[in-house]
N, C-alpha and C. Protein backbone atom coordinates (compact mmCIF):
# COMPACT_ATOMS: atom_id res chain seq x y z
N MET A 1 7.44 27.21 16.05
CA MET A 1 8.77 26.35 17.31
C MET A 1 8.40 26.30 18.53
N ALA A 2 8.80 25.08 18.89
CA ALA A 2 8.51 25.19 20.62
C ALA A 2 9.92 25.40 21.33
N GLU A 3 9.83 26.22 22.45
CA GLU A 3 11.08 26.82 23.35
C GLU A 3 11.87 26.04 23.45
N ASP A 4 10.90 24.78 23.92
CA ASP A 4 11.84 23.30 24.89
C ASP A 4 11.53 22.38 24.40
N CYS A 5 11.55 22.51 22.82
CA CYS A 5 11.89 21.40 22.07
C CYS A 5 13.36 21.45 21.47
N ILE A 6 13.93 19.96 21.62
CA ILE A 6 15.25 19.79 21.22
C ILE A 6 15.76 19.90 19.75
N PHE A 7 14.58 19.66 19.39
CA PHE A 7 14.57 19.35 17.81
C PHE A 7 14.43 20.81 16.76
N CYS A 8 13.87 21.57 17.46
CA CYS A 8 13.56 22.96 17.16
C CYS A 8 14.84 23.98 17.45
N LYS A 9 15.10 23.52 18.19
CA LYS A 9 16.81 23.92 18.45
C LYS A 9 17.67 23.61 17.72
N ILE A 10 17.86 22.23 17.49
CA ILE A 10 18.36 21.90 16.37
C ILE A 10 18.13 22.69 15.03
N ILE A 11 16.86 22.63 14.86
CA ILE A 11 16.71 23.60 13.31
C ILE A 11 17.15 24.70 13.66
N LYS A 12 16.84 25.43 14.40
CA LYS A 12 17.12 27.06 14.86
C LYS A 12 18.93 26.86 15.01
N GLY A 13 19.36 25.80 14.98
CA GLY A 13 20.90 26.05 14.92
C GLY A 13 21.33 26.57 16.39
N GLU A 14 20.63 26.16 17.34
CA GLU A 14 21.10 26.80 19.10
C GLU A 14 21.54 25.15 19.39
N ILE A 15 21.68 24.38 18.73
CA ILE A 15 22.05 23.02 19.22
C ILE A 15 22.88 22.35 17.96
N PRO A 16 24.21 22.42 17.34
CA PRO A 16 25.18 21.95 16.68
C PRO A 16 24.58 20.87 16.08
N SER A 17 24.36 20.30 15.17
CA SER A 17 24.38 18.87 15.04
C SER A 17 24.28 19.02 13.09
N PRO A 18 25.43 18.80 12.59
CA PRO A 18 25.47 18.58 11.03
C PRO A 18 23.96 17.99 10.51
N ARG A 19 23.95 18.80 9.19
CA ARG A 19 22.88 18.38 8.48
C ARG A 19 22.97 17.45 7.27
N VAL A 20 22.37 16.12 7.30
CA VAL A 20 22.63 15.22 6.33
C VAL A 20 22.08 16.10 4.66
N TYR A 21 20.55 16.46 5.24
CA TYR A 21 19.88 17.25 3.92
C TYR A 21 19.35 17.89 4.97
N GLU A 22 18.57 19.20 3.86
CA GLU A 22 18.21 20.51 4.43
C GLU A 22 17.22 20.98 2.98
N ASP A 23 15.89 21.47 3.03
CA ASP A 23 15.72 21.97 1.84
C ASP A 23 14.38 22.99 3.00
N ASP A 24 13.84 23.38 2.17
CA ASP A 24 12.44 24.58 2.83
C ASP A 24 11.22 23.93 3.88
N LYS A 25 11.23 22.76 4.10
CA LYS A 25 10.49 21.67 4.61
C LYS A 25 10.70 21.16 5.84
N MET A 26 12.03 20.79 5.92
CA MET A 26 12.68 19.77 6.79
C MET A 26 14.31 19.50 6.22
N ILE A 27 14.80 19.16 7.94
CA ILE A 27 16.14 19.01 7.97
C ILE A 27 16.36 17.27 8.76
N VAL A 28 17.54 17.07 7.78
CA VAL A 28 17.57 15.24 8.26
C VAL A 28 19.34 15.36 8.78
N ILE A 29 19.00 14.82 9.84
CA ILE A 29 20.21 14.96 10.92
C ILE A 29 20.70 13.17 10.74
N ASN A 30 21.76 13.03 11.91
CA ASN A 30 21.78 11.40 12.18
C ASN A 30 21.65 11.33 13.48
N ASP A 31 21.09 10.55 13.86
CA ASP A 31 20.70 10.20 15.10
C ASP A 31 22.17 10.29 16.32
N VAL A 32 21.98 10.61 17.52
CA VAL A 32 22.97 10.77 18.58
C VAL A 32 23.35 9.42 18.73
N ALA A 33 22.03 9.08 19.21
CA ALA A 33 21.80 7.32 19.80
C ALA A 33 21.55 6.64 18.91
N PRO A 34 22.83 6.26 17.70
CA PRO A 34 22.26 5.25 16.43
C PRO A 34 22.02 4.30 16.71
N ALA A 35 20.88 3.44 16.59
CA ALA A 35 20.25 2.08 16.65
C ALA A 35 20.55 0.81 15.28
N ALA A 36 21.51 1.85 14.51
CA ALA A 36 22.03 1.12 13.37
C ALA A 36 22.99 1.48 13.18
N PRO A 37 23.78 1.40 12.47
CA PRO A 37 25.08 1.73 11.10
C PRO A 37 24.60 3.31 10.71
N VAL A 38 23.44 3.25 9.90
CA VAL A 38 23.20 4.23 9.16
C VAL A 38 21.47 4.47 10.06
N HIS A 39 21.51 5.72 10.88
CA HIS A 39 20.18 6.07 11.27
C HIS A 39 19.94 7.38 11.32
N MET A 40 19.11 7.92 10.13
CA MET A 40 18.89 9.69 9.66
C MET A 40 17.30 9.36 10.65
N LEU A 41 17.35 11.05 10.84
CA LEU A 41 16.18 11.57 11.51
C LEU A 41 15.57 12.43 10.17
N LEU A 42 14.55 12.69 10.17
CA LEU A 42 13.96 13.69 9.51
C LEU A 42 13.08 14.44 10.11
N LEU A 43 13.10 15.69 10.04
CA LEU A 43 12.95 16.87 10.69
C LEU A 43 11.88 17.71 10.37
N PRO A 44 10.37 17.85 10.33
CA PRO A 44 10.09 19.34 10.00
C PRO A 44 10.55 20.70 10.42
N LYS A 45 10.56 21.49 9.37
CA LYS A 45 11.39 23.01 10.40
C LYS A 45 10.14 23.27 11.33
N ASN A 46 8.81 23.26 11.10
CA ASN A 46 7.95 23.51 11.46
C ASN A 46 7.10 22.78 12.37
N HIS A 47 7.12 23.34 13.92
CA HIS A 47 7.26 22.12 14.89
C HIS A 47 5.53 21.77 14.73
N THR A 48 5.93 20.09 15.08
CA THR A 48 4.28 19.43 14.75
C THR A 48 4.31 18.59 16.04
N ALA A 49 3.44 18.21 16.86
CA ALA A 49 3.83 17.07 17.99
C ALA A 49 3.95 15.66 17.04
N ASN A 50 3.40 15.25 16.31
CA ASN A 50 3.57 13.77 16.04
C ASN A 50 3.02 13.67 14.55
N VAL A 51 3.06 12.46 14.30
CA VAL A 51 2.55 12.11 12.48
C VAL A 51 0.65 12.25 12.63
N THR A 52 0.09 12.26 13.86
CA THR A 52 -1.58 12.58 14.12
C THR A 52 -1.94 14.16 14.03
N THR A 53 -1.25 14.54 14.41
CA THR A 53 -1.40 16.19 14.67
C THR A 53 -0.61 17.28 13.05
N ALA A 54 0.30 16.23 12.25
CA ALA A 54 0.84 17.01 11.09
C ALA A 54 0.01 16.78 9.78
N ASP A 55 0.19 17.69 9.01
CA ASP A 55 -0.59 17.78 7.71
C ASP A 55 0.15 16.53 7.22
N PRO A 56 -1.04 16.13 6.66
CA PRO A 56 -0.40 14.90 5.89
C PRO A 56 0.19 15.26 4.73
N GLU A 57 -0.15 16.13 4.06
CA GLU A 57 1.19 16.69 2.96
C GLU A 57 2.41 16.80 3.08
N LEU A 58 2.62 17.18 4.32
CA LEU A 58 3.83 17.01 4.64
C LEU A 58 4.67 16.04 5.21
N VAL A 59 4.07 14.77 5.70
CA VAL A 59 4.27 13.99 6.07
C VAL A 59 4.50 12.85 4.57
N ALA A 60 3.98 13.13 3.69
CA ALA A 60 3.76 12.49 2.25
C ALA A 60 4.90 13.27 1.57
N TYR A 61 5.35 14.53 1.60
CA TYR A 61 6.69 14.83 1.44
C TYR A 61 8.08 14.27 1.90
N MET A 62 7.92 14.69 3.23
CA MET A 62 9.41 13.76 4.02
C MET A 62 9.42 12.77 3.62
N LEU A 63 8.41 11.65 3.46
CA LEU A 63 8.33 10.55 2.85
C LEU A 63 9.13 10.10 1.37
N SER A 64 8.23 10.66 0.56
CA SER A 64 9.11 10.59 -0.55
C SER A 64 10.35 11.42 -0.83
N LYS A 65 11.28 11.62 0.43
CA LYS A 65 12.84 12.03 -0.01
C LYS A 65 13.20 10.95 0.48
N VAL A 66 12.64 9.80 1.59
CA VAL A 66 13.23 8.90 1.71
C VAL A 66 14.37 7.91 0.96
N GLN A 67 14.05 7.69 -0.51
CA GLN A 67 14.51 6.56 -1.53
C GLN A 67 16.03 7.43 -1.80
N MET A 68 15.57 8.74 -2.11
CA MET A 68 16.73 9.30 -2.29
C MET A 68 17.96 9.19 -1.09
N LEU A 69 17.07 10.07 0.17
CA LEU A 69 18.61 9.63 1.18
C LEU A 69 19.02 8.19 1.70
N ALA A 70 18.21 7.22 1.15
CA ALA A 70 18.77 5.85 1.21
C ALA A 70 20.09 5.83 0.31
N GLU A 71 19.55 6.41 -0.86
CA GLU A 71 21.04 5.95 -1.95
C GLU A 71 21.90 6.94 -1.29
N LYS A 72 22.04 8.36 -0.75
CA LYS A 72 22.69 8.95 -0.81
C LYS A 72 23.53 8.39 0.80
N ALA A 73 23.17 7.43 1.39
CA ALA A 73 23.88 6.80 2.38
C ALA A 73 24.09 5.42 1.84
N GLY A 74 23.56 4.99 0.91
CA GLY A 74 24.46 3.72 0.50
C GLY A 74 23.49 2.53 0.80
N ILE A 75 22.38 2.82 1.67
CA ILE A 75 21.70 1.52 2.20
C ILE A 75 20.26 0.87 0.91
N ALA A 76 20.20 2.26 0.14
CA ALA A 76 19.02 1.64 -0.49
C ALA A 76 18.93 0.27 -1.34
N ASP A 77 19.61 -0.39 -1.87
CA ASP A 77 20.14 -1.58 -2.42
C ASP A 77 19.92 -2.75 -1.56
N LYS A 78 20.28 -2.75 -0.08
CA LYS A 78 20.10 -3.85 0.20
C LYS A 78 18.98 -3.99 1.91
N GLY A 79 18.51 -2.47 1.65
CA GLY A 79 17.01 -2.56 2.19
C GLY A 79 17.43 -1.40 3.34
N PHE A 80 16.34 -0.87 4.39
CA PHE A 80 16.13 -0.18 5.33
C PHE A 80 14.72 -0.37 5.83
N ARG A 81 14.85 0.40 6.96
CA ARG A 81 13.39 0.60 7.82
C ARG A 81 13.42 2.03 7.73
N VAL A 82 11.74 2.62 7.76
CA VAL A 82 11.09 3.58 7.93
C VAL A 82 10.44 3.45 8.90
N VAL A 83 10.47 4.18 10.00
CA VAL A 83 9.78 4.12 11.67
C VAL A 83 9.24 5.50 11.97
N ILE A 84 8.22 5.63 12.55
CA ILE A 84 7.44 7.13 12.09
C ILE A 84 6.79 6.42 14.23
N ASN A 85 7.67 7.06 15.17
CA ASN A 85 6.76 6.59 16.50
C ASN A 85 6.00 7.95 16.69
N THR A 86 5.05 7.07 17.37
CA THR A 86 3.95 8.28 18.02
C THR A 86 3.67 8.00 19.21
N GLY A 87 3.67 8.81 20.11
CA GLY A 87 3.25 8.72 21.47
C GLY A 87 4.17 7.68 22.64
N MET A 88 3.99 8.35 24.04
CA MET A 88 4.95 7.16 24.94
C MET A 88 4.94 5.75 24.49
N ASP A 89 3.40 5.56 24.55
CA ASP A 89 3.36 4.17 24.44
C ASP A 89 4.08 3.41 22.75
N GLY A 90 4.03 4.53 22.15
CA GLY A 90 4.72 4.23 20.78
C GLY A 90 6.17 4.11 20.61
N GLY A 91 6.88 4.42 21.78
CA GLY A 91 8.24 5.23 21.85
C GLY A 91 8.98 6.33 21.25
N GLN A 92 7.54 7.59 21.13
CA GLN A 92 8.28 8.75 20.89
C GLN A 92 8.45 9.25 21.59
N THR A 93 9.99 9.96 22.15
CA THR A 93 10.68 10.30 22.77
C THR A 93 10.94 11.31 23.06
N VAL A 94 10.56 12.31 21.84
CA VAL A 94 10.60 13.77 21.53
C VAL A 94 9.33 14.25 21.09
N ASN A 95 8.55 14.79 21.96
CA ASN A 95 7.28 15.48 21.36
C ASN A 95 7.35 16.63 19.84
N HIS A 96 8.32 15.95 18.79
CA HIS A 96 7.78 16.99 17.59
C HIS A 96 8.51 15.84 16.60
N LEU A 97 7.61 15.81 15.43
CA LEU A 97 7.78 14.41 14.82
C LEU A 97 8.88 14.27 14.02
N HIS A 98 9.50 13.03 14.03
CA HIS A 98 10.58 12.99 13.23
C HIS A 98 10.60 11.43 12.49
N ILE A 99 10.73 11.43 11.44
CA ILE A 99 10.69 9.64 10.87
C ILE A 99 12.37 9.21 10.87
N HIS A 100 12.14 8.05 11.57
CA HIS A 100 13.66 7.26 11.53
C HIS A 100 14.16 6.65 10.16
N VAL A 101 15.23 6.75 9.55
CA VAL A 101 15.56 6.14 8.63
C VAL A 101 16.63 4.97 8.71
N LEU A 102 16.39 4.16 9.13
CA LEU A 102 17.63 2.88 9.43
C LEU A 102 17.89 1.73 8.56
N GLY A 103 19.33 1.65 8.43
CA GLY A 103 19.81 1.02 7.62
C GLY A 103 21.43 0.32 7.80
N GLY A 104 22.17 -0.29 7.02
CA GLY A 104 23.63 -0.71 7.21
C GLY A 104 23.58 -1.70 7.49
N LYS A 105 22.80 -2.86 8.11
CA LYS A 105 23.11 -3.99 8.52
C LYS A 105 21.54 -4.49 8.69
N ALA A 106 21.54 -6.01 8.73
CA ALA A 106 20.18 -6.67 8.73
C ALA A 106 20.01 -6.31 9.99
N LEU A 107 18.44 -5.86 10.02
CA LEU A 107 17.44 -5.30 11.15
C LEU A 107 16.77 -6.33 11.35
N GLY A 108 16.65 -6.51 12.90
CA GLY A 108 16.08 -7.57 13.47
C GLY A 108 14.34 -7.33 13.67
N TRP A 109 13.48 -8.31 13.78
CA TRP A 109 12.58 -8.00 14.11
C TRP A 109 11.96 -8.59 15.77
N PRO A 110 11.45 -7.94 16.60
CA PRO A 110 10.55 -6.77 16.50
C PRO A 110 11.67 -6.01 16.71
N PRO A 111 10.98 -4.33 16.09
CA PRO A 111 12.25 -3.28 15.85
C PRO A 111 12.67 -2.97 17.45
N CYS A 112 11.86 -3.21 18.28
CA CYS A 112 12.44 -2.57 19.62
C CYS A 112 13.38 -3.08 20.06
């Protein structure tokens, strides 16, 4: 865990955030500034800066849960977007790997 990381503080329970899903490897919360009616964040429990520094098996595991989470949120049938921002130019605002799952409306292009 990183002391100054907001996601690590959420994972440790220091900052309250209701969990949509939790297991031994990750938690899923709703984004506090949603870009769509459904905007979940998948956060690994162990701190890693981004997708390039993460264990590929962890990333694969997290992605394997996306369909189940989309079904639970009611967005699986109509479609959804999965986004992993990496680095400053990639739009990553928190230096802790997180996967966005967005849906609940038609999403335009480009995604920003």
